[in-house]
Amino acid sequence: MEQVSNTLKRLSNRYFRPALKRAGLLTRDARMVERKKPGLKKARKASQFSKR
């Protein structure tokens, strides 16, 4: 989707930019995969807790 918005933006910035901005196509999603921590199975998943 990002490539489409970039191409349209390059073709005619004056016409397409406001519409693309309203649609949320000009902002990049900054979410990243969280790294695996030592001692855990995944980034947040720990082994099952046992009382005994």
N, C-alpha and C. Protein backbone atom coordinates (compact mmCIF):
# COMPACT_ATOMS: atom_id res chain seq x y z
N MET A 1 0.83 -1.19 0.00
CA MET A 1 0.00 0.00 0.00
C MET A 1 0.87 1.26 0.00
N GLU A 2 2.00 1.16 0.65
CA GLU A 2 2.89 2.31 0.74
C GLU A 2 3.44 2.69 -0.64
N GLN A 3 3.71 1.69 -1.48
CA GLN A 3 4.24 1.97 -2.81
C GLN A 3 3.22 2.72 -3.66
N VAL A 4 1.95 2.34 -3.52
CA VAL A 4 0.89 2.99 -4.29
C VAL A 4 0.79 4.45 -3.90
N SER A 5 0.79 4.72 -2.59
CA SER A 5 0.67 6.11 -2.14
C SER A 5 1.89 6.93 -2.55
N ASN A 6 3.08 6.32 -2.51
CA ASN A 6 4.28 7.05 -2.93
C ASN A 6 4.25 7.38 -4.42
N THR A 7 3.77 6.45 -5.24
CA THR A 7 3.68 6.70 -6.68
C THR A 7 2.69 7.81 -6.97
N LEU A 8 1.51 7.76 -6.33
CA LEU A 8 0.51 8.80 -6.54
C LEU A 8 1.03 10.15 -6.06
N LYS A 9 1.77 10.12 -4.95
CA LYS A 9 2.32 11.36 -4.40
C LYS A 9 3.32 11.98 -5.38
N ARG A 10 4.13 11.14 -6.03
CA ARG A 10 5.12 11.64 -6.98
C ARG A 10 4.45 12.19 -8.24
N LEU A 11 3.38 11.54 -8.69
CA LEU A 11 2.71 11.97 -9.92
C LEU A 11 2.15 13.38 -9.80
N SER A 12 1.38 13.60 -8.76
CA SER A 12 0.77 14.91 -8.58
C SER A 12 0.58 15.17 -7.10
N ASN A 13 1.61 15.68 -6.47
CA ASN A 13 1.63 15.89 -5.03
C ASN A 13 0.50 16.80 -4.57
N ARG A 14 0.20 17.83 -5.33
CA ARG A 14 -0.78 18.84 -4.94
C ARG A 14 -2.19 18.25 -4.83
N TYR A 15 -2.52 17.31 -5.70
CA TYR A 15 -3.87 16.76 -5.74
C TYR A 15 -4.06 15.57 -4.81
N PHE A 16 -3.08 14.69 -4.75
CA PHE A 16 -3.27 13.43 -4.03
C PHE A 16 -2.90 13.49 -2.56
N ARG A 17 -1.99 14.37 -2.17
CA ARG A 17 -1.49 14.37 -0.79
C ARG A 17 -2.59 14.55 0.26
N PRO A 18 -3.51 15.52 0.14
CA PRO A 18 -4.54 15.66 1.18
C PRO A 18 -5.43 14.42 1.32
N ALA A 19 -5.79 13.82 0.19
CA ALA A 19 -6.64 12.62 0.24
C ALA A 19 -5.89 11.45 0.85
N LEU A 20 -4.62 11.29 0.49
CA LEU A 20 -3.83 10.20 1.05
C LEU A 20 -3.61 10.39 2.54
N LYS A 21 -3.44 11.64 2.97
CA LYS A 21 -3.23 11.93 4.39
C LYS A 21 -4.49 11.61 5.19
N ARG A 22 -5.65 11.98 4.65
CA ARG A 22 -6.92 11.68 5.33
C ARG A 22 -7.13 10.18 5.46
N ALA A 23 -6.70 9.43 4.45
CA ALA A 23 -6.86 7.98 4.46
C ALA A 23 -5.81 7.31 5.34
N GLY A 24 -4.81 8.07 5.82
CA GLY A 24 -3.78 7.51 6.69
C GLY A 24 -2.72 6.73 5.94
N LEU A 25 -2.55 7.02 4.66
CA LEU A 25 -1.58 6.27 3.85
C LEU A 25 -0.20 6.89 3.84
N LEU A 26 -0.02 8.06 4.41
CA LEU A 26 1.29 8.72 4.39
C LEU A 26 2.08 8.48 5.66
N THR A 27 1.43 7.95 6.69
CA THR A 27 2.14 7.69 7.95
C THR A 27 2.62 6.24 7.96
N ARG A 28 3.87 6.04 8.35
CA ARG A 28 4.44 4.71 8.39
C ARG A 28 4.12 4.07 9.73
N ASP A 29 3.74 2.79 9.72
CA ASP A 29 3.46 2.06 10.96
C ASP A 29 4.79 1.70 11.60
N ALA A 30 5.10 2.28 12.74
CA ALA A 30 6.43 2.14 13.35
C ALA A 30 6.54 0.92 14.26
N ARG A 31 5.50 0.09 14.34
CA ARG A 31 5.57 -1.08 15.22
C ARG A 31 6.62 -2.07 14.72
N MET A 32 7.39 -2.61 15.65
CA MET A 32 8.44 -3.56 15.30
C MET A 32 8.26 -4.82 16.14
N VAL A 33 8.87 -5.92 15.72
CA VAL A 33 8.82 -7.16 16.47
C VAL A 33 9.72 -7.02 17.68
N GLU A 34 9.17 -7.38 18.84
CA GLU A 34 9.94 -7.28 20.08
C GLU A 34 10.95 -8.43 20.14
N ARG A 35 12.14 -8.15 20.62
CA ARG A 35 13.19 -9.18 20.63
C ARG A 35 12.94 -10.21 21.73
N LYS A 36 13.49 -11.41 21.56
CA LYS A 36 13.38 -12.46 22.56
C LYS A 36 14.32 -12.14 23.71
N LYS A 37 13.78 -12.26 24.94
CA LYS A 37 14.59 -11.99 26.12
C LYS A 37 15.20 -13.28 26.66
N PRO A 38 16.39 -13.19 27.27
CA PRO A 38 17.01 -14.39 27.84
C PRO A 38 16.18 -14.91 29.02
N GLY A 39 16.04 -16.22 29.10
CA GLY A 39 15.28 -16.83 30.19
C GLY A 39 13.80 -16.99 29.87
N LEU A 40 13.35 -16.44 28.76
CA LEU A 40 11.95 -16.57 28.37
C LEU A 40 11.87 -17.39 27.08
N LYS A 41 10.67 -17.95 26.81
CA LYS A 41 10.51 -18.76 25.61
C LYS A 41 10.38 -17.88 24.36
N LYS A 42 9.67 -16.76 24.51
CA LYS A 42 9.52 -15.79 23.42
C LYS A 42 9.82 -14.42 23.98
N ALA A 43 9.32 -13.36 23.34
CA ALA A 43 9.58 -12.01 23.82
C ALA A 43 8.97 -11.79 25.20
N ARG A 44 7.75 -12.30 25.41
CA ARG A 44 7.08 -12.11 26.70
C ARG A 44 6.62 -13.39 27.35
N LYS A 45 6.59 -14.49 26.60
CA LYS A 45 6.06 -15.75 27.12
C LYS A 45 7.08 -16.44 28.01
N ALA A 46 6.72 -16.59 29.28
CA ALA A 46 7.60 -17.29 30.23
C ALA A 46 7.10 -18.72 30.39
N SER A 47 7.92 -19.57 30.99
CA SER A 47 7.48 -20.93 31.27
C SER A 47 6.41 -20.88 32.36
N GLN A 48 5.57 -21.90 32.43
CA GLN A 48 4.44 -21.91 33.35
C GLN A 48 4.92 -21.88 34.80
N PHE A 49 4.28 -21.04 35.62
CA PHE A 49 4.65 -20.87 37.02
C PHE A 49 4.14 -22.06 37.83
N SER A 50 5.00 -22.60 38.70
CA SER A 50 4.62 -23.71 39.56
C SER A 50 4.87 -23.31 41.01
N LYS A 51 3.87 -23.51 41.86
CA LYS A 51 4.01 -23.15 43.28
C LYS A 51 4.96 -24.10 44.00
N ARG A 52 5.03 -25.34 43.54
CA ARG A 52 5.87 -26.33 44.25
C ARG A 52 6.97 -26.84 43.35
